[in-house]
C-alpha atoms as a PDB file:
ATOM      1  CA  MET A   1     156.478 100.203 115.467  1.00  0.00           C
ATOM      2  CA  ASN A   2     153.505  98.118 116.648  1.00  0.00           C
ATOM      3  CA  THR A   3     152.424 100.744 119.143  1.00  0.00           C
ATOM      4  CA  LYS A   4     151.766 103.255 116.339  1.00  0.00           C
ATOM      5  CA  LEU A   5     149.557 100.763 114.508  1.00  0.00           C
ATOM      6  CA  PHE A   6     147.499 100.030 117.605  1.00  0.00           C
ATOM      7  CA  SER A   7     147.178 103.685 118.545  1.00  0.00           C
ATOM      8  CA  LYS A   8     145.560 104.474 115.172  1.00  0.00           C
ATOM      9  CA  THR A   9     143.067 101.594 115.261  1.00  0.00           C
ATOM     10  CA  LYS A  10     142.172 101.679 118.929  1.00  0.00           C
ATOM     11  CA  GLY A  11     138.733 103.344 118.580  1.00  0.00           C
ATOM     12  CA  GLN A  12     137.620 101.717 115.324  1.00  0.00           C
ATOM     13  CA  ILE A  13     135.324  99.150 116.922  1.00  0.00           C
ATOM     14  CA  ILE A  14     133.123 101.864 118.439  1.00  0.00           C
ATOM     15  CA  VAL A  15     132.542 103.431 115.024  1.00  0.00           C
ATOM     16  CA  LEU A  16     131.869 100.051 113.382  1.00  0.00           C
ATOM     17  CA  PHE A  17     129.497  99.055 116.178  1.00  0.00           C
ATOM     18  CA  ALA A  18     127.578 102.328 115.892  1.00  0.00           C
ATOM     19  CA  LEU A  19     127.220 101.976 112.111  1.00  0.00           C
ATOM     20  CA  GLY A  20     126.138  98.348 112.426  1.00  0.00           C
ATOM     21  CA  LEU A  21     123.594  99.215 115.096  1.00  0.00           C
ATOM     22  CA  LEU A  22     122.224 102.032 112.953  1.00  0.00           C
ATOM     23  CA  ALA A  23     121.855  99.674 109.985  1.00  0.00           C
ATOM     24  CA  LEU A  24     120.106  97.076 112.163  1.00  0.00           C
ATOM     25  CA  ILE A  25     117.627  99.616 113.545  1.00  0.00           C
ATOM     26  CA  ALA A  26     116.913 100.950 110.043  1.00  0.00           C
ATOM     27  CA  LEU A  27     116.256  97.436 108.759  1.00  0.00           C
ATOM     28  CA  ALA A  28     113.924  96.668 111.678  1.00  0.00           C
ATOM     29  CA  ALA A  29     111.984  99.883 111.032  1.00  0.00           C
ATOM     30  CA  LEU A  30     111.656  99.009 107.345  1.00  0.00           C
ATOM     31  CA  VAL A  31     110.344  95.531 108.155  1.00  0.00           C
ATOM     32  CA  LEU A  32     107.780  96.846 110.643  1.00  0.00           C
ATOM     33  CA  ASP A  33     106.608  99.625 108.333  1.00  0.00           C
ATOM     34  CA  GLY A  34     106.279  97.225 105.404  1.00  0.00           C
ATOM     35  CA  GLY A  35     104.299  94.813 107.550  1.00  0.00           C
ATOM     36  CA  MET A  36     101.877  97.537 108.568  1.00  0.00           C
ATOM     37  CA  LEU A  37     101.492  98.553 104.931  1.00  0.00           C
ATOM     38  CA  PHE A  38     100.495  95.030 103.918  1.00  0.00           C
ATOM     39  CA  LEU A  39      98.144  94.710 106.911  1.00  0.00           C
ATOM     40  CA  ASN A  40      96.338  97.944 106.010  1.00  0.00           C
ATOM     41  CA  ARG A  41      96.060  96.886 102.381  1.00  0.00           C
ATOM     42  CA  ARG A  42      94.652  93.484 103.318  1.00  0.00           C
ATOM     43  CA  THR A  43      92.100  95.058 105.679  1.00  0.00           C
ATOM     44  CA  ALA A  44      90.952  97.540 103.033  1.00  0.00           C
ATOM     45  CA  GLN A  45      90.663  94.771 100.439  1.00  0.00           C
ATOM     46  CA  ALA A  46      88.591  92.635 102.801  1.00  0.00           C
ATOM     47  CA  ALA A  47      86.228  95.556 103.447  1.00  0.00           C
ATOM     48  CA  ALA A  48      85.875  96.238  99.729  1.00  0.00           C
ATOM     49  CA  ASP A  49      85.168  92.572  99.009  1.00  0.00           C
ATOM     50  CA  ALA A  50      82.554  92.389 101.755  1.00  0.00           C
ATOM     51  CA  GLY A  51      80.884  95.534 100.440  1.00  0.00           C
ATOM     52  CA  ALA A  52      80.818  94.144  96.907  1.00  0.00           C
ATOM     53  CA  LEU A  53      79.225  90.905  98.104  1.00  0.00           C
ATOM     54  CA  ALA A  54      76.625  92.795 100.127  1.00  0.00           C
ATOM     55  CA  GLY A  55      75.815  94.965  97.111  1.00  0.00           C
ATOM     56  CA  ALA A  56      75.494  91.928  94.845  1.00  0.00           C
ATOM     57  CA  ARG A  57      73.201  90.233  97.319  1.00  0.00           C
ATOM     58  CA  ALA A  58      71.029  93.343  97.607  1.00  0.00           C
ATOM     59  CA  LEU A  59      70.875  93.574  93.814  1.00  0.00           C
ATOM     60  CA  CYS A  60      69.753  89.951  93.534  1.00  0.00           C
ATOM     61  CA  TYR A  61      67.083  90.142  96.225  1.00  0.00           C
ATOM     62  CA  GLU A  62      65.782  93.688  95.792  1.00  0.00           C
ATOM     63  CA  GLY A  63      66.585  94.352  92.141  1.00  0.00           C
ATOM     64  CA  SER A  64      67.272  98.065  92.587  1.00  0.00           C
ATOM     65  CA  GLU A  65      70.701  99.258  91.502  1.00  0.00           C
ATOM     66  CA  GLU A  66      70.601 102.309  93.756  1.00  0.00           C
ATOM     67  CA  THR A  67      69.806 100.162  96.802  1.00  0.00           C
ATOM     68  CA  ALA A  68      72.631  97.800  95.900  1.00  0.00           C
ATOM     69  CA  ILE A  69      75.125 100.658  95.658  1.00  0.00           C
ATOM     70  CA  ASN A  70      74.014 102.168  98.948  1.00  0.00           C
ATOM     71  CA  THR A  71      74.151  98.772 100.661  1.00  0.00           C
ATOM     72  CA  ALA A  72      77.653  98.107  99.310  1.00  0.00           C
ATOM     73  CA  ILE A  73      78.955 101.483 100.463  1.00  0.00           C
ATOM     74  CA  GLN A  74      77.279 101.218 103.849  1.00  0.00           C
ATOM     75  CA  PHE A  75      78.546  97.709 104.455  1.00  0.00           C
ATOM     76  CA  ALA A  76      82.108  98.440 103.307  1.00  0.00           C
ATOM     77  CA  THR A  77      82.498 101.604 105.382  1.00  0.00           C
ATOM     78  CA  THR A  78      80.292 101.164 108.435  1.00  0.00           C
ATOM     79  CA  GLU A  79      80.201  97.432 109.086  1.00  0.00           C
ATOM     80  CA  ASN A  80      83.895  96.744 108.376  1.00  0.00           C
ATOM     81  CA  GLY A  81      85.415  99.841 109.878  1.00  0.00           C
END
């Protein structure tokens, strides 16, 4: 009677291992992708902040709104990548 029970469950560990490994790889991919998403967002925010500060400084020193806008755009895109 025991031999029938073992013959049915003999290959179960391979299936469980494969499913567990798949879940682990999926979780690792999600963590890495989420980390890259936050890194890209932080980099873009830093560039936007630097551009805004450069535009504000140009507005204070030069007084022209058009120059301030051009300086902010140039600094945010060119200087910060």
